[in-house]
């Protein structure tokens, strides 16, 4: 796809004719080989040999470009532009805001593209956290099936093999050069350099000039206007959120006095989290209950039927109580007479029944009811990070707070600013097949979308710098995966089978074998009217893990994660063989 487009580019290394150029070319190739060794994750194995090689190359060809990490601490110098990192090339400055799936992957892809000599830009990645969060594995962190290093590795570690800079800071606004002098927010900032397209303002008063900008700041929890959510509920959006949930569960389990955990939201995040909680708390001393509250008539509304059926069965087996048709009205302090633990997360949940009338959801006249909980986890929705910071982003923004972009992911009205992921909404391409009836292309807020958009954004920034045509983004749905436990999952494949073929396979001798292997045929797979294919159980869990192993941002991280998973698998097998079990 984009890789083939990059490899077929007419740009090639210029022919080398003079002896001095031969020496320079050999030195550059030597540096590339050393960097390639780091990217393959072999630096730890080869150790001093690699360092010696890099040092030798550096002595012969000049300074080696390294990843520069800048931690902007409170109290740093204000009203100043962050220091520039050493770089080669034309001096074009590309600033990437956000170190999640979209931002990190786009920055790495941009560095890996083939650049004309002297045109490679200086890339700066900005994020308020020092960790990259692999969100699909947050549930494994809660259940104990993954370590913090697998789920949230250090951005400095991931970027070490690449010639780019990482700045840890919070973004307060973006100021294009054309509007910087008129922006009230920018009055306290220095004007950007005369040759910059604009600058990014950071929370400590420093600024980063840019020639090209990629906004990939992701999403934030949305309380949906429910009072008390910010004060009493724990969101599930960051590494710190997951560790807080894990620590609270440990306290509940160790107390032996029982307790109640409530998950609000019946989407993928709520269902996967409820399954992880049910598995972790199953068999513990005391009456620990897990409830999942959703306003719809069923969980996973709009998802493939096969996944809904597998999820309902898994939650029932794990003892999770699914309460449908209820809407949370408010969270508040716990009742003084309630039998709760002394945890600071204990609270009261007020909710009402939802009835369907004329296609609309209305609150039942019975009025709100209440239940007590030791921990409430809010997964009922997210919103773009730019929604609450509209003044700091002078770009077209829709009602949800997402930045409006062209099909190429370039921000409408700008030649040098791009946006992707949860923070952006793209106008459909002329031949797009997704959401043609809508003025903008609404895509699911998933890592899969950001992962695909990263390639397009990197290529289009490359094309803009080199005067090449931009490519319109085309989303390819590759199915959906969800975790239902450490060795259980449900994967909806992106295929549809005609009903006659589905019936024929079911009635054939192959049908029972497929069912035993965890292959479910039937149920709606989408708008095409065909039957879907869903994988369940250990086979689906293996496929999901393999896909996420492939999607790790660097080869070194892939090796680290694969090694950890193999070690945990061997330890679990040894425990089973010794009759000790694997209870956590």
Protein backbone atom coordinates (compact mmCIF):
# COMPACT_ATOMS: atom_id res chain seq x y z
CA UNK A 1 0.00 0.00 0.00
CA UNK A 2 1.92 3.09 1.16
CA UNK A 3 5.08 1.12 1.58
CA UNK A 4 4.94 0.05 -2.04
CA UNK A 5 4.24 3.63 -3.03
CA UNK A 6 7.29 4.78 -1.13
CA UNK A 7 9.49 2.08 -2.57
CA UNK A 8 8.39 2.89 -6.12
CA UNK A 9 9.28 6.56 -5.74
CA UNK A 10 11.55 7.86 -8.52
CA UNK A 11 13.88 9.36 -5.89
CA UNK A 12 17.12 7.42 -5.79
CA UNK A 13 20.57 7.91 -4.26
CA UNK A 14 22.58 10.08 -6.70
CA UNK A 15 25.33 8.43 -8.64
CA UNK A 16 28.73 8.69 -6.94
CA UNK A 17 31.68 9.54 -9.17
CA UNK A 18 34.40 11.44 -7.27
CA UNK A 19 36.58 9.66 -4.65
CA UNK A 20 35.53 12.12 -1.93
CA UNK A 21 31.91 11.33 -2.67
CA UNK A 22 32.67 7.61 -2.47
CA UNK A 23 34.07 8.04 1.04
CA UNK A 24 31.07 10.15 2.08
CA UNK A 25 28.63 7.61 0.63
CA UNK A 26 30.35 4.73 2.47
CA UNK A 27 30.23 6.64 5.74
CA UNK A 28 26.54 7.44 5.30
CA UNK A 29 25.80 3.80 4.52
CA UNK A 30 27.76 2.77 7.61
CA UNK A 31 25.66 5.06 9.77
CA UNK A 32 22.49 3.66 8.24
CA UNK A 33 23.62 0.11 9.02
CA UNK A 34 24.30 1.00 12.64
CA UNK A 35 20.87 2.64 12.98
CA UNK A 36 19.30 -0.40 11.28
CA UNK A 37 20.91 -2.66 13.88
CA UNK A 38 19.30 -0.59 16.64
CA UNK A 39 15.92 -0.77 14.90
CA UNK A 40 16.16 -4.56 14.70
CA UNK A 41 16.65 -4.68 18.44
CA UNK A 42 20.16 -6.16 18.18
CA UNK A 43 21.97 -3.37 19.98
CA UNK A 44 21.64 -5.11 23.35
CA UNK A 45 23.05 -8.34 21.94
CA UNK A 46 25.96 -6.83 19.99
CA UNK A 47 26.69 -4.32 22.75
CA UNK A 48 30.10 -2.71 22.52
CA UNK A 49 30.63 -3.71 18.89
CA UNK A 50 27.72 -1.51 17.84
CA UNK A 51 28.93 1.39 19.95
CA UNK A 52 32.41 1.05 18.52
CA UNK A 53 31.00 0.95 15.01
CA UNK A 54 28.93 4.04 15.58
CA UNK A 55 31.89 5.85 17.13
CA UNK A 56 34.10 4.90 14.21
CA UNK A 57 31.50 6.09 11.75
CA UNK A 58 31.07 9.29 13.68
CA UNK A 59 34.80 10.01 13.57
CA UNK A 60 34.93 9.58 9.81
CA UNK A 61 31.67 11.17 8.70
CA UNK A 62 30.93 13.81 11.32
CA UNK A 63 28.47 13.83 14.22
CA UNK A 64 25.96 11.00 14.35
CA UNK A 65 22.39 12.19 14.62
CA UNK A 66 20.81 10.93 17.84
CA UNK A 67 17.38 11.16 19.36
CA UNK A 68 17.35 14.13 21.71
CA UNK A 69 15.01 14.00 24.69
CA UNK A 70 14.01 17.34 26.18
CA UNK A 71 12.07 17.26 29.43
CA UNK A 72 10.49 20.67 29.93
CA UNK A 73 10.18 20.99 33.69
CA UNK A 74 8.14 23.63 35.47
CA UNK A 75 10.15 26.72 36.11
CA UNK A 76 12.11 26.55 32.87
CA UNK A 77 12.85 29.70 30.96
CA UNK A 78 9.68 31.29 29.65
CA UNK A 79 8.94 33.25 26.47
CA UNK A 80 11.66 31.37 24.63
CA UNK A 81 11.75 28.89 21.81
CA UNK A 82 12.89 25.39 22.71
CA UNK A 83 16.45 24.71 21.66
CA UNK A 84 16.93 23.11 18.31
CA UNK A 85 18.21 19.53 18.10
CA UNK A 86 21.19 18.74 15.84
CA UNK A 87 19.97 17.64 12.46
CA UNK A 88 20.94 17.22 8.84
CA UNK A 89 19.07 18.20 5.72
CA UNK A 90 17.30 21.33 4.62
CA UNK A 91 16.29 22.43 8.11
CA UNK A 92 12.56 21.90 7.51
CA UNK A 93 10.94 21.58 10.94
CA UNK A 94 8.15 19.03 11.37
CA UNK A 95 6.43 19.08 14.77
CA UNK A 96 4.17 16.17 15.72
CA UNK A 97 1.75 16.77 18.60
CA UNK A 98 0.82 13.55 20.40
CA UNK A 99 2.77 10.38 21.06
CA UNK A 100 -0.05 7.87 20.63
CA UNK A 101 -0.73 5.49 17.76
CA UNK A 102 -1.21 8.27 15.22
CA UNK A 103 1.57 10.64 16.24
CA UNK A 104 4.33 8.16 17.12
CA UNK A 105 3.74 5.92 14.12
CA UNK A 106 3.55 8.88 11.73
CA UNK A 107 6.81 10.30 13.08
CA UNK A 108 8.59 6.97 12.65
CA UNK A 109 7.14 6.46 9.14
CA UNK A 110 8.20 9.98 8.17
CA UNK A 111 11.76 9.25 9.24
CA UNK A 112 11.81 5.94 7.33
CA UNK A 113 10.68 7.38 3.98
CA UNK A 114 13.26 7.89 1.23
CA UNK A 115 14.28 11.54 1.21
CA UNK A 116 16.20 13.44 -1.49
CA UNK A 117 19.65 14.43 -0.35
CA UNK A 118 19.50 17.50 1.86
CA UNK A 119 15.71 17.41 2.22
CA UNK A 120 15.21 15.25 5.29
CA UNK A 121 13.47 17.33 7.96
CA UNK A 122 14.08 17.69 11.65
CA UNK A 123 11.22 15.88 13.44
CA UNK A 124 10.09 16.83 16.94
CA UNK A 125 7.53 14.75 18.83
CA UNK A 126 5.63 16.44 21.68
CA UNK A 127 3.59 14.65 24.34
CA UNK A 128 2.69 15.46 27.92
CA UNK A 129 3.47 11.89 29.00
CA UNK A 130 6.84 10.18 28.86
CA UNK A 131 5.18 6.89 27.84
CA UNK A 132 3.64 5.55 24.67
CA UNK A 133 0.37 3.82 25.57
CA UNK A 134 -0.66 0.68 23.65
CA UNK A 135 -4.31 1.11 24.60
CA UNK A 136 -5.66 -2.24 23.33
CA UNK A 137 -3.50 -3.96 25.95
CA UNK A 138 -4.65 -1.86 28.92
CA UNK A 139 -7.02 -4.67 29.90
CA UNK A 140 -4.12 -7.12 30.15
CA UNK A 141 -2.41 -4.70 32.50
CA UNK A 142 -5.42 -4.83 34.85
CA UNK A 143 -5.72 -8.61 34.67
CA UNK A 144 -1.99 -9.17 35.15
CA UNK A 145 -1.45 -10.73 31.72
CA UNK A 146 0.95 -7.95 30.65
CA UNK A 147 3.63 -5.84 32.31
CA UNK A 148 3.85 -2.02 32.32
CA UNK A 149 6.85 -2.19 29.98
CA UNK A 150 4.77 -4.04 27.39
CA UNK A 151 1.75 -1.75 27.61
CA UNK A 152 3.43 1.62 28.19
CA UNK A 153 7.08 1.69 27.14
CA UNK A 154 9.11 4.88 27.42
CA UNK A 155 8.94 7.20 24.40
CA UNK A 156 12.61 8.01 24.85
CA UNK A 157 13.42 4.32 24.58
CA UNK A 158 11.28 3.83 21.48
CA UNK A 159 12.74 6.88 19.72
CA UNK A 160 16.37 6.20 20.65
CA UNK A 161 17.27 4.62 17.25
CA UNK A 162 15.72 7.51 15.30
CA UNK A 163 17.16 10.97 14.56
CA UNK A 164 14.33 12.92 16.10
CA UNK A 165 13.67 14.89 19.25
CA UNK A 166 11.13 14.16 21.98
CA UNK A 167 9.76 17.04 24.07
CA UNK A 168 7.70 16.16 27.12
CA UNK A 169 5.30 19.05 27.66
CA UNK A 170 1.64 19.96 27.48
CA UNK A 171 0.45 21.84 24.40
CA UNK A 172 -1.54 25.00 25.14
CA UNK A 173 -2.07 26.25 21.61
CA UNK A 174 -1.00 26.46 18.00
CA UNK A 175 -0.24 29.84 16.42
CA UNK A 176 0.15 30.07 12.64
CA UNK A 177 2.52 32.84 11.59
CA UNK A 178 -0.21 34.66 9.67
CA UNK A 179 -2.34 34.97 12.81
CA UNK A 180 0.30 35.05 15.55
CA UNK A 181 0.42 38.83 15.80
CA UNK A 182 -3.38 39.05 16.11
CA UNK A 183 -3.86 36.14 18.53
CA UNK A 184 -4.66 37.23 22.06
CA UNK A 185 -3.22 34.01 23.42
CA UNK A 186 0.01 34.65 21.58
CA UNK A 187 0.58 38.12 23.00
CA UNK A 188 2.55 36.67 25.90
CA UNK A 189 4.72 34.64 23.52
CA UNK A 190 7.63 35.71 21.36
CA UNK A 191 6.89 35.99 17.63
CA UNK A 192 7.98 32.93 15.67
CA UNK A 193 11.12 33.02 13.52
CA UNK A 194 10.56 34.85 10.27
CA UNK A 195 11.00 31.68 8.23
CA UNK A 196 8.59 29.53 10.32
CA UNK A 197 5.01 28.73 9.36
CA UNK A 198 3.98 29.12 12.98
CA UNK A 199 4.77 27.93 16.46
CA UNK A 200 3.37 25.64 19.15
CA UNK A 201 2.94 27.13 22.62
CA UNK A 202 3.78 24.87 25.56
CA UNK A 203 2.52 25.00 29.13
CA UNK A 204 5.80 26.25 30.60
CA UNK A 205 5.96 29.25 28.27
CA UNK A 206 8.41 27.82 25.75
CA UNK A 207 7.52 27.47 22.09
CA UNK A 208 8.40 25.26 19.15
CA UNK A 209 8.55 26.77 15.65
CA UNK A 210 7.28 24.58 12.84
CA UNK A 211 7.22 24.48 9.07
CA UNK A 212 4.84 21.52 9.01
CA UNK A 213 2.59 20.41 11.85
CA UNK A 214 0.77 17.16 12.57
CA UNK A 215 -1.93 17.25 15.28
CA UNK A 216 -2.56 13.81 16.79
CA UNK A 217 -3.52 14.60 20.37
CA UNK A 218 -6.10 11.82 20.68
CA UNK A 219 -9.17 11.82 22.88
CA UNK A 220 -10.14 12.46 26.48
CA UNK A 221 -12.87 11.00 28.73
CA UNK A 222 -16.28 12.60 28.27
CA UNK A 223 -18.64 12.73 31.23
CA UNK A 224 -21.65 13.23 28.90
CA UNK A 225 -22.91 15.91 31.26
CA UNK A 226 -23.42 13.48 34.15
CA UNK A 227 -22.74 15.20 37.45
CA UNK A 228 -20.19 13.69 39.79
CA UNK A 229 -18.30 11.71 37.13
CA UNK A 230 -15.13 13.78 37.39
CA UNK A 231 -15.18 13.64 41.19
CA UNK A 232 -16.15 10.03 41.86
CA UNK A 233 -15.53 7.88 38.77
CA UNK A 234 -12.22 6.54 37.50
CA UNK A 235 -11.76 6.86 33.76
CA UNK A 236 -9.94 4.22 31.74
CA UNK A 237 -7.93 6.18 29.21
CA UNK A 238 -4.34 6.38 30.43
CA UNK A 239 -1.63 4.25 31.98
CA UNK A 240 -2.21 5.98 35.31
CA UNK A 241 -5.94 5.14 35.10
CA UNK A 242 -5.18 1.45 34.57
CA UNK A 243 -2.71 1.36 37.46
CA UNK A 244 -5.24 3.08 39.73
CA UNK A 245 -7.90 0.50 38.83
CA UNK A 246 -5.43 -2.33 39.36
CA UNK A 247 -4.39 -0.97 42.76
CA UNK A 248 -8.00 -0.54 43.89
CA UNK A 249 -8.81 -4.11 42.85
CA UNK A 250 -5.84 -5.36 44.86
CA UNK A 251 -7.16 -3.55 47.94
CA UNK A 252 -10.64 -4.98 47.45
CA UNK A 253 -9.36 -8.50 46.92
CA UNK A 254 -6.98 -8.37 49.87
CA UNK A 255 -9.62 -7.00 52.25
CA UNK A 256 -11.69 -10.19 51.98
CA UNK A 257 -14.77 -8.16 52.88
CA UNK A 258 -16.37 -8.25 49.46
CA UNK A 259 -17.30 -5.23 47.43
CA UNK A 260 -18.92 -3.93 44.28
CA UNK A 261 -17.35 -2.66 41.04
CA UNK A 262 -19.49 -0.87 38.44
CA UNK A 263 -18.45 -0.35 34.82
CA UNK A 264 -20.47 2.31 32.98
CA UNK A 265 -20.63 1.83 29.21
CA UNK A 266 -21.47 -1.19 27.08
CA UNK A 267 -19.10 -0.56 24.18
CA UNK A 268 -15.88 -2.38 23.42
CA UNK A 269 -13.96 -0.66 26.22
CA UNK A 270 -16.62 -1.40 28.86
CA UNK A 271 -17.09 -5.03 27.82
CA UNK A 272 -13.36 -5.81 27.64
CA UNK A 273 -12.75 -4.14 30.99
CA UNK A 274 -15.67 -5.96 32.63
CA UNK A 275 -14.29 -9.28 31.37
CA UNK A 276 -10.83 -8.47 32.76
CA UNK A 277 -12.34 -7.49 36.12
CA UNK A 278 -14.54 -10.59 36.27
CA UNK A 279 -11.61 -12.86 35.54
CA UNK A 280 -9.36 -11.14 38.06
CA UNK A 281 -11.91 -11.17 40.88
CA UNK A 282 -13.32 -14.64 40.23
CA UNK A 283 -12.68 -17.04 43.08
CA UNK A 284 -11.56 -14.34 45.50
CA UNK A 285 -12.63 -14.42 49.12
CA UNK A 286 -15.72 -12.38 49.88
CA UNK A 287 -18.64 -11.43 47.67
CA UNK A 288 -17.00 -9.31 44.98
CA UNK A 289 -19.48 -8.34 42.28
CA UNK A 290 -18.95 -6.71 38.89
CA UNK A 291 -21.82 -4.89 37.15
CA UNK A 292 -21.89 -3.47 33.63
CA UNK A 293 -24.44 -0.69 33.03
CA UNK A 294 -25.51 0.31 29.50
CA UNK A 295 -28.49 2.33 28.23
CA UNK A 296 -29.04 0.13 25.18
CA UNK A 297 -31.06 -3.08 24.95
CA UNK A 298 -27.82 -5.04 24.57
CA UNK A 299 -24.07 -4.57 24.82
CA UNK A 300 -21.92 -3.72 21.79
CA UNK A 301 -24.70 -2.10 19.81
CA UNK A 302 -23.74 -1.79 16.16
CA UNK A 303 -21.08 -4.50 16.43
CA UNK A 304 -21.15 -7.87 14.61
CA UNK A 305 -23.65 -10.29 16.09
CA UNK A 306 -21.01 -12.96 16.56
CA UNK A 307 -19.00 -10.70 18.84
CA UNK A 308 -22.07 -9.74 20.88
CA UNK A 309 -22.99 -13.39 21.40
CA UNK A 310 -19.44 -14.33 22.40
CA UNK A 311 -19.20 -11.35 24.76
CA UNK A 312 -22.53 -12.08 26.46
CA UNK A 313 -21.53 -15.71 27.02
CA UNK A 314 -18.08 -14.79 28.36
CA UNK A 315 -19.44 -12.19 30.77
CA UNK A 316 -22.06 -14.62 32.05
CA UNK A 317 -19.40 -17.31 32.59
CA UNK A 318 -17.25 -14.83 34.51
CA UNK A 319 -20.14 -13.81 36.76
CA UNK A 320 -20.46 -10.24 35.44
CA UNK A 321 -23.98 -8.86 35.84
CA UNK A 322 -25.00 -6.99 32.68
CA UNK A 323 -27.71 -4.39 33.37
CA UNK A 324 -29.20 -3.08 30.12
CA UNK A 325 -31.67 -0.28 29.53
CA UNK A 326 -30.40 1.99 32.31
CA UNK A 327 -28.85 5.43 32.14
CA UNK A 328 -26.61 6.84 34.86
CA UNK A 329 -27.95 10.16 36.13
CA UNK A 330 -25.37 11.15 38.75
CA UNK A 331 -22.59 9.96 41.01
CA UNK A 332 -22.34 11.14 44.57
CA UNK A 333 -20.87 10.42 47.99
CA UNK A 334 -21.68 7.07 49.57
CA UNK A 335 -24.60 6.69 51.93
CA UNK A 336 -23.44 6.78 55.52
CA UNK A 337 -25.45 3.63 56.24
CA UNK A 338 -24.16 1.72 53.22
CA UNK A 339 -21.90 -1.25 53.81
CA UNK A 340 -18.88 -0.16 51.85
CA UNK A 341 -15.13 -0.27 52.26
CA UNK A 342 -13.19 2.79 53.32
CA UNK A 343 -11.81 3.28 49.81
CA UNK A 344 -11.84 6.89 48.55
CA UNK A 345 -13.49 5.68 45.34
CA UNK A 346 -16.63 4.44 47.12
CA UNK A 347 -19.74 6.29 45.91
CA UNK A 348 -23.44 6.10 45.09
CA UNK A 349 -24.68 5.60 41.54
CA UNK A 350 -28.06 7.11 40.63
CA UNK A 351 -29.61 5.63 37.50
CA UNK A 352 -32.96 5.44 35.70
CA UNK A 353 -34.55 2.95 33.37
CA UNK A 354 -34.63 3.83 29.69
CA UNK A 355 -37.66 3.05 27.57
CA UNK A 356 -37.89 3.22 23.79
CA UNK A 357 -40.73 5.37 22.52
CA UNK A 358 -41.06 6.35 18.90
CA UNK A 359 -37.43 5.53 18.31
CA UNK A 360 -36.22 7.80 21.10
CA UNK A 361 -34.83 6.91 24.50
CA UNK A 362 -36.78 8.41 27.37
CA UNK A 363 -36.32 8.23 31.10
CA UNK A 364 -38.80 5.99 32.87
CA UNK A 365 -41.32 7.82 35.06
CA UNK A 366 -40.28 5.66 38.01
CA UNK A 367 -37.49 8.12 38.69
CA UNK A 368 -33.85 7.43 39.59
CA UNK A 369 -32.76 4.46 41.62
CA UNK A 370 -29.50 4.01 43.48
CA UNK A 371 -26.84 1.43 44.05
CA UNK A 372 -23.61 1.62 46.03
CA UNK A 373 -20.21 0.82 44.63
CA UNK A 374 -16.65 0.65 45.91
CA UNK A 375 -15.33 1.58 42.47
CA UNK A 376 -17.01 3.10 39.40
CA UNK A 377 -15.09 2.99 36.11
CA UNK A 378 -16.35 5.32 33.38
CA UNK A 379 -16.07 4.10 29.77
CA UNK A 380 -19.25 5.72 28.44
CA UNK A 381 -17.53 7.92 25.92
CA UNK A 382 -14.60 10.02 24.76
CA UNK A 383 -14.31 13.33 22.97
CA UNK A 384 -11.48 14.96 20.96
CA UNK A 385 -8.85 16.63 23.08
CA UNK A 386 -9.31 19.82 21.06
CA UNK A 387 -12.96 20.16 22.15
CA UNK A 388 -12.16 21.89 25.43
CA UNK A 389 -9.27 23.87 23.93
CA UNK A 390 -10.87 25.37 20.83
CA UNK A 391 -9.30 28.78 21.41
CA UNK A 392 -5.82 27.29 21.23
CA UNK A 393 -6.37 25.63 17.85
CA UNK A 394 -7.37 28.18 15.17
CA UNK A 395 -8.62 25.58 12.72
CA UNK A 396 -12.07 24.55 11.48
CA UNK A 397 -13.66 22.44 14.23
CA UNK A 398 -16.97 20.58 14.09
CA UNK A 399 -19.63 20.33 16.79
CA UNK A 400 -17.80 17.46 18.54
CA UNK A 401 -14.60 19.49 18.73
CA UNK A 402 -12.73 17.54 16.03
CA UNK A 403 -10.53 19.36 13.52
CA UNK A 404 -11.98 19.25 10.00
CA UNK A 405 -9.56 18.04 7.37
CA UNK A 406 -9.45 17.38 3.65
CA UNK A 407 -9.43 13.75 2.41
CA UNK A 408 -5.62 13.95 2.47
CA UNK A 409 -5.76 14.66 6.25
CA UNK A 410 -4.53 18.21 5.64
CA UNK A 411 -6.46 20.70 7.76
CA UNK A 412 -8.96 22.70 5.77
CA UNK A 413 -7.64 26.15 4.93
CA UNK A 414 -4.00 25.29 5.67
CA UNK A 415 -1.15 24.11 3.47
CA UNK A 416 1.18 22.92 6.24
CA UNK A 417 -1.02 21.54 9.06
CA UNK A 418 -2.31 17.95 9.13
CA UNK A 419 -4.47 16.12 11.69
CA UNK A 420 -5.40 12.48 12.28
CA UNK A 421 -6.95 10.05 14.73
CA UNK A 422 -9.58 10.88 17.33
CA UNK A 423 -8.88 14.59 17.06
CA UNK A 424 -9.74 14.83 13.33
CA UNK A 425 -12.67 14.28 11.01
CA UNK A 426 -11.99 14.03 7.29
CA UNK A 427 -14.18 15.11 4.40
CA UNK A 428 -14.91 12.05 2.21
CA UNK A 429 -12.92 11.57 -0.96
CA UNK A 430 -14.86 11.80 -4.22
CA UNK A 431 -14.91 8.02 -4.59
CA UNK A 432 -15.06 7.09 -0.92
CA UNK A 433 -17.37 4.25 -0.06
CA UNK A 434 -17.65 5.06 3.65
CA UNK A 435 -20.26 7.55 4.83
CA UNK A 436 -20.79 9.07 1.35
CA UNK A 437 -24.12 10.40 2.54
CA UNK A 438 -22.51 12.55 5.22
CA UNK A 439 -20.61 15.81 4.76
CA UNK A 440 -17.72 14.39 6.74
CA UNK A 441 -16.33 10.90 7.11
CA UNK A 442 -16.93 9.69 10.65
CA UNK A 443 -14.60 6.84 11.46
CA UNK A 444 -14.46 4.80 14.67
CA UNK A 445 -12.13 6.11 17.35
CA UNK A 446 -9.88 3.05 17.28
CA UNK A 447 -6.19 2.35 17.11
CA UNK A 448 -6.80 0.68 13.74
CA UNK A 449 -7.87 3.99 12.18
CA UNK A 450 -4.95 5.93 13.65
CA UNK A 451 -2.55 3.16 12.62
CA UNK A 452 -3.66 3.42 8.98
CA UNK A 453 -3.83 7.21 8.95
CA UNK A 454 -0.25 7.44 10.23
CA UNK A 455 1.08 6.05 6.94
CA UNK A 456 -0.98 8.49 4.87
CA UNK A 457 -0.09 11.49 7.04
CA UNK A 458 3.64 10.70 6.85
CA UNK A 459 3.49 10.23 3.08
CA UNK A 460 1.48 13.41 2.53
CA UNK A 461 3.87 15.51 4.64
CA UNK A 462 6.70 14.04 2.56
CA UNK A 463 4.76 14.90 -0.60
CA UNK A 464 4.05 18.46 0.57
CA UNK A 465 7.73 19.08 1.34
CA UNK A 466 8.84 17.64 -2.01
CA UNK A 467 6.11 19.19 -4.15
CA UNK A 468 4.35 15.92 -4.92
CA UNK A 469 0.58 15.22 -5.08
CA UNK A 470 -1.12 14.27 -1.81
CA UNK A 471 -3.00 11.00 -1.42
CA UNK A 472 -6.59 10.86 -0.12
CA UNK A 473 -6.97 8.63 2.90
CA UNK A 474 -8.80 5.34 2.29
CA UNK A 475 -9.82 3.43 5.38
CA UNK A 476 -9.72 -0.36 5.05
CA UNK A 477 -11.67 -2.11 7.78
CA UNK A 478 -9.62 -5.11 8.88
CA UNK A 479 -12.12 -6.51 11.34
CA UNK A 480 -12.50 -5.90 15.06
CA UNK A 481 -10.87 -7.65 17.99
CA UNK A 482 -11.78 -7.72 21.64
CA UNK A 483 -10.35 -9.40 24.71
CA UNK A 484 -12.65 -11.51 26.89
CA UNK A 485 -10.00 -12.86 29.25
CA UNK A 486 -6.40 -13.97 29.23
CA UNK A 487 -7.05 -16.91 26.87
CA UNK A 488 -10.38 -15.81 25.41
CA UNK A 489 -11.24 -13.26 22.75
CA UNK A 490 -13.68 -12.56 19.93
CA UNK A 491 -12.40 -11.49 16.51
CA UNK A 492 -14.87 -10.43 13.81
CA UNK A 493 -13.25 -11.02 10.43
CA UNK A 494 -13.91 -8.49 7.64
CA UNK A 495 -15.65 -11.02 5.41
CA UNK A 496 -19.27 -11.73 4.57
CA UNK A 497 -20.58 -15.09 3.43
CA UNK A 498 -23.80 -15.55 1.43
CA UNK A 499 -26.49 -17.17 3.58
CA UNK A 500 -26.74 -20.27 1.33
CA UNK A 501 -23.01 -20.91 1.71
CA UNK A 502 -23.25 -20.43 5.47
CA UNK A 503 -26.10 -22.95 5.73
CA UNK A 504 -24.23 -25.44 3.55
CA UNK A 505 -21.08 -25.26 5.69
CA UNK A 506 -23.06 -25.58 8.92
CA UNK A 507 -24.85 -28.71 7.71
CA UNK A 508 -21.69 -30.32 6.34
CA UNK A 509 -19.23 -32.42 8.37
CA UNK A 510 -17.00 -29.33 8.48
CA UNK A 511 -19.54 -27.43 10.60
CA UNK A 512 -18.93 -29.21 13.95
CA UNK A 513 -15.16 -29.01 13.44
CA UNK A 514 -15.29 -25.28 12.87
CA UNK A 515 -17.51 -24.81 15.89
CA UNK A 516 -15.14 -26.81 18.08
CA UNK A 517 -12.23 -24.65 16.85
CA UNK A 518 -14.09 -21.48 17.80
CA UNK A 519 -15.25 -20.40 14.34
CA UNK A 520 -18.79 -18.99 14.42
CA UNK A 521 -20.70 -18.60 11.14
CA UNK A 522 -23.84 -16.50 10.98
CA UNK A 523 -25.17 -13.24 12.25
CA UNK A 524 -25.02 -9.90 10.51
CA UNK A 525 -21.54 -8.69 9.58
CA UNK A 526 -22.47 -5.30 8.20
CA UNK A 527 -24.58 -3.47 5.68
CA UNK A 528 -23.96 -5.99 2.94
CA UNK A 529 -26.56 -8.41 4.23
CA UNK A 530 -24.18 -11.36 4.38
CA UNK A 531 -23.35 -13.59 7.30
CA UNK A 532 -20.32 -12.77 9.38
CA UNK A 533 -17.40 -14.91 10.53
CA UNK A 534 -16.29 -14.63 14.15
CA UNK A 535 -13.42 -16.40 15.86
CA UNK A 536 -13.79 -17.16 19.57
CA UNK A 537 -11.77 -18.63 22.39
CA UNK A 538 -8.02 -19.39 22.46
CA UNK A 539 -7.69 -19.23 18.66
CA UNK A 540 -9.06 -15.68 18.63
CA UNK A 541 -6.85 -14.73 21.60
CA UNK A 542 -3.78 -15.99 19.72
CA UNK A 543 -4.76 -14.08 16.59
CA UNK A 544 -5.36 -10.90 18.59
CA UNK A 545 -2.01 -11.15 20.35
CA UNK A 546 -0.22 -11.80 17.05
CA UNK A 547 -1.85 -8.75 15.45
CA UNK A 548 -0.86 -6.51 18.36
CA UNK A 549 2.66 -7.91 18.33
CA UNK A 550 2.91 -6.90 14.68
CA UNK A 551 1.58 -3.41 15.47
CA UNK A 552 4.26 -2.66 18.06
CA UNK A 553 5.99 0.57 17.01
CA UNK A 554 9.57 -0.74 16.75
CA UNK A 555 11.30 -4.06 16.13
CA UNK A 556 13.05 -3.83 19.48
CA UNK A 557 9.69 -3.46 21.23
CA UNK A 558 8.33 -6.44 19.26
CA UNK A 559 11.21 -8.59 20.47
CA UNK A 560 10.75 -7.40 24.05
CA UNK A 561 7.00 -8.06 24.06
CA UNK A 562 7.34 -11.45 22.33
CA UNK A 563 10.01 -12.51 24.83
CA UNK A 564 7.83 -11.47 27.77
CA UNK A 565 4.77 -13.29 26.40
CA UNK A 566 6.81 -16.43 25.77
CA UNK A 567 8.21 -16.33 29.29
CA UNK A 568 4.74 -15.87 30.82
CA UNK A 569 3.41 -18.72 28.69
CA UNK A 570 6.18 -21.05 29.82
CA UNK A 571 5.59 -20.08 33.45
CA UNK A 572 1.86 -20.76 33.11
CA UNK A 573 2.55 -24.13 31.46
CA UNK A 574 5.00 -25.06 34.21
CA UNK A 575 2.46 -24.08 36.87
CA UNK A 576 -0.23 -26.22 35.22
CA UNK A 577 2.16 -29.14 34.90
CA UNK A 578 3.01 -28.82 38.59
CA UNK A 579 -0.67 -28.74 39.56
CA UNK A 580 -0.39 -25.29 41.09
CA UNK A 581 -2.80 -23.54 38.73
CA UNK A 582 -2.48 -20.02 37.40
CA UNK A 583 -4.79 -18.09 39.71
CA UNK A 584 -3.71 -14.54 40.33
